[in-house]
Amino acid sequence: MTTCEKAPDGHVLESCDIAIGTAHRIQAHRIRALLAREYPVLHGITVETANRLQGAEFRITIVLHPLSDCGDASAFHLEAGRLGVLTSRHRHACIVVARAGIPELLDAHRVRGTAASGEQGEAETAGECEASGRTG
């Protein structure tokens, strides 16, 4: 149960109060499929990319950290706005799921001297992950 100015007497959490945010469409698709197959009682949870969650608000969000999906930090993954959107869609709690090694990934990126500029689409980057054998 949650309480806030919108529900001062409390609100029992429902599936529609929860969102899972990802960096890539393929991640969202796979999570939706898993939820439908293994956890049908959770039908109604929103699973979308940062771009599609823009402007929405949920009581609880679960976020896959953008740097946890590939072994290489590209401009797409380093874009601060993406992580900002993913971590600001909640009203009560935001749970960030990340793998170990993000500081090392950032350090390696800095050593290579590449700038986090430019834009790369979700499909392109997800395709790069698929081609390299990473599931993103």
Foldseek 3Di string as FASTA:
>chain_A
DDADPVRNVDDDDALLQEEEEEAAPLVLVVVVVCCVVPPVRSPNHHYYYLVVLPPAAHAEYEYEQLPAQALADALSNPPPVRVVSRQPRHDHYYHYDHDPDPVVRVVVVVVVVDDSDDDDDRVVVCVVCVVVVTND
